N, C-alpha and C. Protein backbone atom coordinates (compact mmCIF):
# COMPACT_ATOMS: atom_id res chain seq x y z
N MET A 1 0.82 -1.21 0.00
CA MET A 1 0.00 -0.04 0.00
C MET A 1 0.84 1.23 -0.01
N SER A 2 2.02 1.18 0.60
CA SER A 2 2.87 2.38 0.65
C SER A 2 3.39 2.72 -0.74
N ALA A 3 3.57 1.75 -1.61
CA ALA A 3 4.04 2.02 -2.96
C ALA A 3 3.01 2.83 -3.74
N ILE A 4 1.77 2.51 -3.54
CA ILE A 4 0.69 3.30 -4.22
C ILE A 4 0.69 4.74 -3.69
N ASN A 5 0.78 4.89 -2.39
CA ASN A 5 0.78 6.25 -1.84
C ASN A 5 2.00 7.03 -2.33
N SER A 6 3.13 6.39 -2.46
CA SER A 6 4.35 7.09 -2.96
C SER A 6 4.13 7.55 -4.37
N ALA A 7 3.53 6.73 -5.20
CA ALA A 7 3.27 7.11 -6.60
C ALA A 7 2.32 8.27 -6.67
N ILE A 8 1.32 8.28 -5.86
CA ILE A 8 0.34 9.39 -5.84
C ILE A 8 0.99 10.67 -5.41
N VAL A 9 1.80 10.56 -4.36
CA VAL A 9 2.53 11.72 -3.88
C VAL A 9 3.48 12.26 -4.91
N ALA A 10 4.20 11.40 -5.59
CA ALA A 10 5.12 11.81 -6.65
C ALA A 10 4.37 12.52 -7.81
N ARG A 11 3.26 11.92 -8.18
CA ARG A 11 2.43 12.51 -9.27
C ARG A 11 1.91 13.88 -8.87
N ASP A 12 1.42 14.04 -7.68
CA ASP A 12 0.92 15.31 -7.21
C ASP A 12 2.02 16.35 -7.11
N THR A 13 3.17 15.93 -6.67
CA THR A 13 4.33 16.78 -6.55
C THR A 13 4.76 17.30 -7.93
N PHE A 14 4.84 16.38 -8.86
CA PHE A 14 5.21 16.73 -10.27
C PHE A 14 4.22 17.71 -10.90
N SER A 15 2.97 17.45 -10.73
CA SER A 15 1.91 18.36 -11.29
C SER A 15 2.00 19.74 -10.60
N HIS A 16 2.36 19.80 -9.35
CA HIS A 16 2.44 21.07 -8.67
C HIS A 16 3.71 21.86 -9.24
N ILE A 17 4.81 21.13 -9.46
CA ILE A 17 5.97 21.76 -10.01
C ILE A 17 5.74 22.19 -11.46
N ALA A 18 5.07 21.40 -12.23
CA ALA A 18 4.79 21.69 -13.67
C ALA A 18 3.90 22.93 -13.78
N LYS A 19 2.98 23.12 -12.84
CA LYS A 19 2.08 24.24 -12.92
C LYS A 19 2.64 25.57 -12.47
N ARG A 20 3.81 25.51 -11.82
CA ARG A 20 4.40 26.72 -11.30
C ARG A 20 4.80 27.66 -12.43
N ARG A 21 4.49 28.91 -12.23
CA ARG A 21 4.84 29.90 -13.24
C ARG A 21 5.92 30.84 -12.73
N THR A 22 6.77 31.27 -13.61
CA THR A 22 7.86 32.09 -13.20
C THR A 22 7.47 33.58 -13.23
N TRP A 23 8.25 34.46 -12.72
CA TRP A 23 8.00 35.88 -12.69
C TRP A 23 7.91 36.40 -14.11
N ALA A 24 8.77 35.88 -14.98
CA ALA A 24 8.83 36.35 -16.40
C ALA A 24 7.56 35.99 -17.09
N GLN A 25 6.96 34.86 -16.80
CA GLN A 25 5.70 34.49 -17.43
C GLN A 25 4.56 35.36 -16.95
N LYS A 26 4.58 35.72 -15.68
CA LYS A 26 3.53 36.62 -15.13
C LYS A 26 3.64 37.98 -15.65
N GLU A 27 4.88 38.52 -15.79
CA GLU A 27 5.14 39.89 -16.17
C GLU A 27 5.72 39.95 -17.55
N ALA A 28 5.04 39.51 -18.58
CA ALA A 28 5.56 39.45 -19.91
C ALA A 28 5.83 40.89 -20.49
N GLY A 29 4.97 41.82 -20.11
CA GLY A 29 5.17 43.19 -20.59
C GLY A 29 6.48 43.79 -20.17
N VAL A 30 6.90 43.55 -18.95
CA VAL A 30 8.16 44.05 -18.42
C VAL A 30 9.33 43.45 -19.18
N ILE A 31 9.26 42.19 -19.49
CA ILE A 31 10.33 41.54 -20.28
C ILE A 31 10.39 42.14 -21.69
N VAL A 32 9.26 42.44 -22.29
CA VAL A 32 9.25 43.06 -23.59
C VAL A 32 9.91 44.44 -23.53
N VAL A 33 9.61 45.20 -22.51
CA VAL A 33 10.19 46.50 -22.39
C VAL A 33 11.69 46.39 -22.21
N PHE A 34 12.15 45.45 -21.35
CA PHE A 34 13.60 45.23 -21.18
C PHE A 34 14.23 44.89 -22.51
N ALA A 35 13.59 44.03 -23.27
CA ALA A 35 14.17 43.63 -24.57
C ALA A 35 14.26 44.83 -25.53
N ILE A 36 13.23 45.68 -25.54
CA ILE A 36 13.25 46.81 -26.45
C ILE A 36 14.33 47.82 -26.02
N VAL A 37 14.46 48.01 -24.73
CA VAL A 37 15.47 48.94 -24.26
C VAL A 37 16.85 48.36 -24.56
N PHE A 38 17.06 47.07 -24.44
CA PHE A 38 18.31 46.46 -24.72
C PHE A 38 18.66 46.63 -26.22
N VAL A 39 17.69 46.41 -27.12
CA VAL A 39 17.94 46.53 -28.57
C VAL A 39 18.28 47.98 -28.91
N VAL A 40 17.51 48.92 -28.35
CA VAL A 40 17.80 50.34 -28.67
C VAL A 40 19.16 50.73 -28.08
N GLY A 41 19.48 50.27 -26.92
CA GLY A 41 20.80 50.55 -26.33
C GLY A 41 21.93 49.99 -27.20
N CYS A 42 21.78 48.77 -27.66
CA CYS A 42 22.81 48.22 -28.51
C CYS A 42 22.92 48.96 -29.81
N GLY A 43 21.81 49.42 -30.35
CA GLY A 43 21.84 50.25 -31.56
C GLY A 43 22.60 51.55 -31.37
N LEU A 44 22.29 52.22 -30.24
CA LEU A 44 22.95 53.50 -29.97
C LEU A 44 24.42 53.29 -29.72
N LEU A 45 24.77 52.20 -29.01
CA LEU A 45 26.19 51.93 -28.79
C LEU A 45 26.89 51.63 -30.11
N GLY A 46 26.24 50.90 -31.00
CA GLY A 46 26.83 50.63 -32.31
C GLY A 46 27.00 51.88 -33.11
N LEU A 47 26.02 52.76 -33.03
CA LEU A 47 26.12 54.02 -33.74
C LEU A 47 27.27 54.86 -33.21
N CYS A 48 27.47 54.94 -31.91
CA CYS A 48 28.55 55.71 -31.33
C CYS A 48 29.92 55.13 -31.75
N ILE A 49 30.00 53.80 -31.70
CA ILE A 49 31.27 53.18 -32.09
C ILE A 49 31.55 53.43 -33.61
N SER A 50 30.48 53.35 -34.43
CA SER A 50 30.65 53.55 -35.87
C SER A 50 31.13 55.00 -36.14
N LYS A 51 30.54 55.97 -35.44
CA LYS A 51 30.97 57.35 -35.66
C LYS A 51 32.40 57.58 -35.18
N ALA A 52 32.77 56.95 -34.05
CA ALA A 52 34.12 57.11 -33.58
C ALA A 52 35.13 56.49 -34.55
N LEU A 53 34.79 55.34 -35.15
CA LEU A 53 35.69 54.69 -36.13
C LEU A 53 35.74 55.54 -37.40
N ALA A 54 34.66 56.16 -37.82
CA ALA A 54 34.66 57.00 -39.01
C ALA A 54 35.50 58.24 -38.76
N LYS A 55 35.39 58.83 -37.54
CA LYS A 55 36.14 59.97 -37.24
C LYS A 55 37.67 59.61 -37.17
N ARG A 56 37.98 58.49 -36.62
CA ARG A 56 39.41 58.04 -36.56
C ARG A 56 39.95 57.83 -38.02
N LYS A 57 39.12 57.24 -38.86
CA LYS A 57 39.58 56.95 -40.21
C LYS A 57 39.76 58.23 -40.98
N ALA A 58 38.86 59.24 -40.79
CA ALA A 58 39.00 60.51 -41.49
C ALA A 58 40.26 61.27 -40.97
N LYS A 59 40.47 61.22 -39.69
CA LYS A 59 41.64 61.88 -39.11
C LYS A 59 42.97 61.24 -39.65
N LYS A 60 42.96 59.91 -39.75
CA LYS A 60 44.11 59.18 -40.22
C LYS A 60 44.40 59.54 -41.71
N GLN A 61 43.35 59.62 -42.49
CA GLN A 61 43.51 60.02 -43.88
C GLN A 61 44.03 61.44 -44.08
N SER A 62 43.50 62.33 -43.24
CA SER A 62 43.97 63.73 -43.34
C SER A 62 45.45 63.90 -42.93
N VAL A 63 45.88 63.12 -41.98
CA VAL A 63 47.28 63.17 -41.52
C VAL A 63 48.18 62.53 -42.60
N SER A 64 47.79 61.50 -43.23
CA SER A 64 48.62 60.84 -44.23
C SER A 64 48.70 61.69 -45.50
N GLN A 65 47.71 62.50 -45.80
CA GLN A 65 47.79 63.33 -47.02
C GLN A 65 48.64 64.60 -46.83
N VAL A 66 48.84 65.02 -45.64
CA VAL A 66 49.68 66.23 -45.36
C VAL A 66 51.11 65.90 -45.37
């Protein structure tokens, strides 16, 4: 009889664990905002790096021409 009770307890425990929801699932909107902010931040960082490299390249060309 104890084997049957153990199986029932294990099944109930598994179903309880499987039904558990994480914070990210409950707050999907917040995760979307974080993702959008991250993408925009990466874009701005890439733009700044691109401008710095272009400025460095232009300065290097002007020095080599003189």
